[in-house]
Amino acid sequence: MKNAILPVCVVLIAAGSAYGTQKTKVSSSEISSKPGYIYSTAASRCVAVKMCSDVPGDICTIDDQPTGQPLYDLNNPSNLSTCNVTLFKP
């Protein structure tokens, strides 16, 4: 009986680790993508440029450079006149 305890514990730990890793992969694939906007003075409204994320991290910019123009989310989804909610790189 003592000889069977160690292998059973190892199998249970391995199964728990595999389940925990799989759960993490599913959660990271569910990251929310949002269109990143800039305010266009020519159009007098916010214009979508590319996809960003609302998960905190590096600021989402037009050219993916730290010094590039940042992209924003709309303050109100039904109103294209204001966009100043910070978005992040996906």
N, C-alpha and C. Protein backbone atom coordinates (compact mmCIF):
# COMPACT_ATOMS: atom_id res chain seq x y z
N MET A 1 0.82 -1.19 0.00
CA MET A 1 0.00 0.00 0.00
C MET A 1 0.87 1.26 0.00
N LYS A 2 1.97 1.25 0.77
CA LYS A 2 2.86 2.41 0.82
C LYS A 2 3.48 2.68 -0.55
N ASN A 3 3.73 1.66 -1.33
CA ASN A 3 4.36 1.83 -2.64
C ASN A 3 3.41 2.50 -3.64
N ALA A 4 2.12 2.46 -3.41
CA ALA A 4 1.14 3.02 -4.34
C ALA A 4 0.82 4.49 -4.04
N ILE A 5 1.13 4.97 -2.87
CA ILE A 5 0.77 6.34 -2.48
C ILE A 5 1.52 7.38 -3.30
N LEU A 6 2.81 7.23 -3.47
CA LEU A 6 3.61 8.21 -4.20
C LEU A 6 3.17 8.33 -5.67
N PRO A 7 3.03 7.24 -6.41
CA PRO A 7 2.58 7.37 -7.81
C PRO A 7 1.19 8.01 -7.93
N VAL A 8 0.29 7.69 -7.02
CA VAL A 8 -1.05 8.28 -7.06
C VAL A 8 -0.97 9.79 -6.82
N CYS A 9 -0.15 10.23 -5.89
CA CYS A 9 0.02 11.66 -5.62
C CYS A 9 0.62 12.38 -6.83
N VAL A 10 1.59 11.76 -7.47
CA VAL A 10 2.21 12.36 -8.65
C VAL A 10 1.19 12.52 -9.77
N VAL A 11 0.36 11.50 -9.99
CA VAL A 11 -0.66 11.56 -11.04
C VAL A 11 -1.68 12.65 -10.72
N LEU A 12 -2.10 12.77 -9.47
CA LEU A 12 -3.07 13.80 -9.09
C LEU A 12 -2.49 15.21 -9.27
N ILE A 13 -1.24 15.40 -8.92
CA ILE A 13 -0.59 16.70 -9.09
C ILE A 13 -0.47 17.04 -10.57
N ALA A 14 -0.09 16.07 -11.39
CA ALA A 14 0.04 16.30 -12.83
C ALA A 14 -1.31 16.65 -13.45
N ALA A 15 -2.36 15.95 -13.04
CA ALA A 15 -3.70 16.23 -13.58
C ALA A 15 -4.17 17.62 -13.17
N GLY A 16 -3.91 18.00 -11.94
CA GLY A 16 -4.28 19.33 -11.47
C GLY A 16 -3.53 20.42 -12.21
N SER A 17 -2.26 20.20 -12.46
CA SER A 17 -1.46 21.18 -13.20
C SER A 17 -1.95 21.31 -14.65
N ALA A 18 -2.27 20.21 -15.27
CA ALA A 18 -2.77 20.24 -16.65
C ALA A 18 -4.10 20.99 -16.71
N TYR A 19 -4.97 20.76 -15.78
CA TYR A 19 -6.26 21.46 -15.74
C TYR A 19 -6.05 22.96 -15.51
N GLY A 20 -5.17 23.31 -14.60
CA GLY A 20 -4.90 24.72 -14.31
C GLY A 20 -4.29 25.44 -15.50
N THR A 21 -3.41 24.80 -16.23
CA THR A 21 -2.81 25.39 -17.43
C THR A 21 -3.85 25.58 -18.50
N GLN A 22 -4.71 24.61 -18.72
CA GLN A 22 -5.75 24.72 -19.74
C GLN A 22 -6.71 25.85 -19.40
N LYS A 23 -7.08 26.01 -18.18
CA LYS A 23 -7.99 27.07 -17.76
C LYS A 23 -7.37 28.44 -18.03
N THR A 24 -6.07 28.59 -17.82
CA THR A 24 -5.38 29.84 -18.08
C THR A 24 -5.38 30.15 -19.57
N LYS A 25 -5.17 29.16 -20.42
CA LYS A 25 -5.17 29.37 -21.86
C LYS A 25 -6.53 29.85 -22.34
N VAL A 26 -7.60 29.32 -21.81
CA VAL A 26 -8.94 29.73 -22.20
C VAL A 26 -9.18 31.17 -21.79
N SER A 27 -8.78 31.54 -20.59
CA SER A 27 -8.99 32.90 -20.10
C SER A 27 -8.23 33.91 -20.93
N SER A 28 -7.00 33.62 -21.33
CA SER A 28 -6.22 34.58 -22.10
C SER A 28 -6.76 34.73 -23.51
N SER A 29 -7.46 33.73 -24.03
CA SER A 29 -8.02 33.85 -25.38
C SER A 29 -9.31 34.66 -25.37
N GLU A 30 -9.86 34.93 -24.20
CA GLU A 30 -11.10 35.68 -24.10
C GLU A 30 -10.85 37.18 -23.87
N ILE A 31 -9.62 37.63 -24.14
CA ILE A 31 -9.29 39.04 -23.94
C ILE A 31 -10.18 39.89 -24.85
N SER A 32 -10.69 40.94 -24.27
CA SER A 32 -11.62 41.80 -24.99
C SER A 32 -10.89 42.68 -26.00
N SER A 33 -11.26 42.55 -27.27
CA SER A 33 -10.73 43.43 -28.31
C SER A 33 -11.70 44.55 -28.56
N LYS A 34 -11.16 45.74 -28.72
CA LYS A 34 -11.97 46.93 -28.97
C LYS A 34 -11.31 47.74 -30.07
N PRO A 35 -12.11 48.40 -30.88
CA PRO A 35 -11.50 49.28 -31.88
C PRO A 35 -10.87 50.49 -31.21
N GLY A 36 -9.67 50.84 -31.66
CA GLY A 36 -8.99 52.03 -31.17
C GLY A 36 -9.30 53.21 -32.07
N TYR A 37 -9.68 54.33 -31.48
CA TYR A 37 -10.10 55.51 -32.23
C TYR A 37 -9.12 56.68 -32.05
N ILE A 38 -9.08 57.54 -33.06
CA ILE A 38 -8.44 58.85 -32.95
C ILE A 38 -9.52 59.87 -33.32
N TYR A 39 -9.37 61.08 -32.81
CA TYR A 39 -10.34 62.12 -33.17
C TYR A 39 -9.87 62.80 -34.45
N SER A 40 -10.70 62.77 -35.47
CA SER A 40 -10.40 63.40 -36.75
C SER A 40 -11.06 64.77 -36.81
N THR A 41 -10.25 65.82 -36.88
CA THR A 41 -10.82 67.17 -36.97
C THR A 41 -11.47 67.37 -38.34
N ALA A 42 -10.98 66.69 -39.37
CA ALA A 42 -11.57 66.82 -40.71
C ALA A 42 -12.99 66.24 -40.73
N ALA A 43 -13.18 65.12 -40.04
CA ALA A 43 -14.50 64.47 -40.01
C ALA A 43 -15.34 64.94 -38.82
N SER A 44 -14.73 65.65 -37.90
CA SER A 44 -15.39 66.10 -36.66
C SER A 44 -16.00 64.95 -35.86
N ARG A 45 -15.27 63.85 -35.83
CA ARG A 45 -15.72 62.69 -35.05
C ARG A 45 -14.54 61.73 -34.84
N CYS A 46 -14.75 60.75 -33.99
CA CYS A 46 -13.74 59.73 -33.75
C CYS A 46 -13.77 58.71 -34.88
N VAL A 47 -12.59 58.30 -35.33
CA VAL A 47 -12.46 57.36 -36.44
C VAL A 47 -11.68 56.14 -35.96
N ALA A 48 -12.23 54.94 -36.21
CA ALA A 48 -11.55 53.70 -35.82
C ALA A 48 -10.31 53.49 -36.68
N VAL A 49 -9.20 53.11 -36.03
CA VAL A 49 -7.94 52.92 -36.74
C VAL A 49 -7.51 51.47 -36.74
N LYS A 50 -7.47 50.83 -35.56
CA LYS A 50 -7.09 49.43 -35.46
C LYS A 50 -7.58 48.85 -34.15
N MET A 51 -7.46 47.54 -33.98
CA MET A 51 -7.95 46.87 -32.79
C MET A 51 -6.94 46.98 -31.65
N CYS A 52 -7.48 47.23 -30.46
CA CYS A 52 -6.69 47.32 -29.23
C CYS A 52 -7.37 46.47 -28.17
N SER A 53 -7.00 46.64 -26.92
CA SER A 53 -7.55 45.87 -25.82
C SER A 53 -7.82 46.79 -24.63
N ASP A 54 -8.73 46.36 -23.76
CA ASP A 54 -8.97 47.14 -22.54
C ASP A 54 -8.26 46.54 -21.33
N VAL A 55 -7.42 45.52 -21.58
CA VAL A 55 -6.64 44.90 -20.50
C VAL A 55 -5.38 45.73 -20.29
N PRO A 56 -5.15 46.28 -19.09
CA PRO A 56 -4.00 47.16 -18.85
C PRO A 56 -2.66 46.55 -19.27
N GLY A 57 -1.83 47.39 -19.83
CA GLY A 57 -0.51 47.00 -20.31
C GLY A 57 0.11 48.19 -21.00
N ASP A 58 0.82 47.94 -22.11
CA ASP A 58 1.40 49.03 -22.90
C ASP A 58 0.29 49.76 -23.64
N ILE A 59 0.40 51.07 -23.75
CA ILE A 59 -0.59 51.89 -24.44
C ILE A 59 -0.64 51.50 -25.92
N CYS A 60 -1.83 51.38 -26.46
CA CYS A 60 -2.04 51.08 -27.88
C CYS A 60 -1.83 52.36 -28.69
N THR A 61 -0.92 52.31 -29.67
CA THR A 61 -0.65 53.47 -30.51
C THR A 61 -0.83 53.10 -31.98
N ILE A 62 -0.92 54.11 -32.82
CA ILE A 62 -1.13 53.88 -34.25
C ILE A 62 -0.04 53.00 -34.85
N ASP A 63 1.21 53.29 -34.53
CA ASP A 63 2.33 52.56 -35.14
C ASP A 63 3.02 51.58 -34.18
N ASP A 64 2.38 51.29 -33.06
CA ASP A 64 2.93 50.37 -32.04
C ASP A 64 4.26 50.83 -31.45
N GLN A 65 4.58 52.11 -31.59
CA GLN A 65 5.79 52.67 -31.00
C GLN A 65 5.41 53.43 -29.73
N PRO A 66 6.24 53.42 -28.69
CA PRO A 66 5.92 54.12 -27.44
C PRO A 66 5.66 55.62 -27.64
N THR A 67 6.26 56.22 -28.67
CA THR A 67 6.08 57.65 -28.92
C THR A 67 4.97 57.93 -29.93
N GLY A 68 4.30 56.88 -30.42
CA GLY A 68 3.25 57.06 -31.41
C GLY A 68 1.98 57.67 -30.83
N GLN A 69 1.07 58.07 -31.71
CA GLN A 69 -0.19 58.66 -31.27
C GLN A 69 -1.05 57.60 -30.61
N PRO A 70 -1.48 57.83 -29.35
CA PRO A 70 -2.29 56.83 -28.65
C PRO A 70 -3.69 56.72 -29.26
N LEU A 71 -4.25 55.52 -29.11
CA LEU A 71 -5.62 55.26 -29.57
C LEU A 71 -6.53 55.15 -28.36
N TYR A 72 -7.78 55.52 -28.54
CA TYR A 72 -8.72 55.58 -27.43
C TYR A 72 -10.01 54.84 -27.76
N ASP A 73 -10.77 54.55 -26.70
CA ASP A 73 -12.10 53.96 -26.84
C ASP A 73 -13.12 55.10 -26.73
N LEU A 74 -14.31 54.85 -27.25
CA LEU A 74 -15.38 55.85 -27.17
C LEU A 74 -15.86 55.98 -25.73
N ASN A 75 -16.18 57.20 -25.33
CA ASN A 75 -16.75 57.41 -23.99
C ASN A 75 -18.14 56.79 -23.92
N ASN A 76 -18.89 56.94 -24.99
CA ASN A 76 -20.24 56.39 -25.09
C ASN A 76 -20.30 55.63 -26.42
N PRO A 77 -20.57 54.33 -26.41
CA PRO A 77 -20.52 53.53 -27.64
C PRO A 77 -21.41 54.06 -28.78
N SER A 78 -22.45 54.78 -28.45
CA SER A 78 -23.34 55.27 -29.51
C SER A 78 -23.03 56.70 -29.95
N ASN A 79 -21.92 57.26 -29.43
CA ASN A 79 -21.59 58.65 -29.72
C ASN A 79 -20.14 58.74 -30.21
N LEU A 80 -19.95 59.07 -31.48
CA LEU A 80 -18.61 59.14 -32.06
C LEU A 80 -17.93 60.50 -31.84
N SER A 81 -18.51 61.36 -31.03
CA SER A 81 -17.93 62.70 -30.87
C SER A 81 -16.85 62.77 -29.81
N THR A 82 -16.78 61.84 -28.87
CA THR A 82 -15.74 61.86 -27.84
C THR A 82 -15.11 60.48 -27.67
N CYS A 83 -13.79 60.47 -27.72
CA CYS A 83 -13.04 59.23 -27.50
C CYS A 83 -11.78 59.60 -26.72
N ASN A 84 -11.79 59.30 -25.42
CA ASN A 84 -10.59 59.59 -24.61
C ASN A 84 -10.37 58.56 -23.51
N VAL A 85 -10.90 57.35 -23.69
CA VAL A 85 -10.66 56.26 -22.74
C VAL A 85 -9.45 55.47 -23.22
N THR A 86 -8.41 55.42 -22.42
CA THR A 86 -7.16 54.78 -22.80
C THR A 86 -7.35 53.31 -23.14
N LEU A 87 -6.72 52.89 -24.24
CA LEU A 87 -6.71 51.48 -24.63
C LEU A 87 -5.26 50.97 -24.62
N PHE A 88 -5.12 49.65 -24.62
CA PHE A 88 -3.81 49.03 -24.49
C PHE A 88 -3.56 48.07 -25.64
N LYS A 89 -2.29 47.71 -25.82
CA LYS A 89 -1.93 46.73 -26.87
C LYS A 89 -2.57 45.39 -26.53
N PRO A 90 -3.06 44.69 -27.56
CA PRO A 90 -3.66 43.36 -27.30
C PRO A 90 -2.61 42.34 -26.93
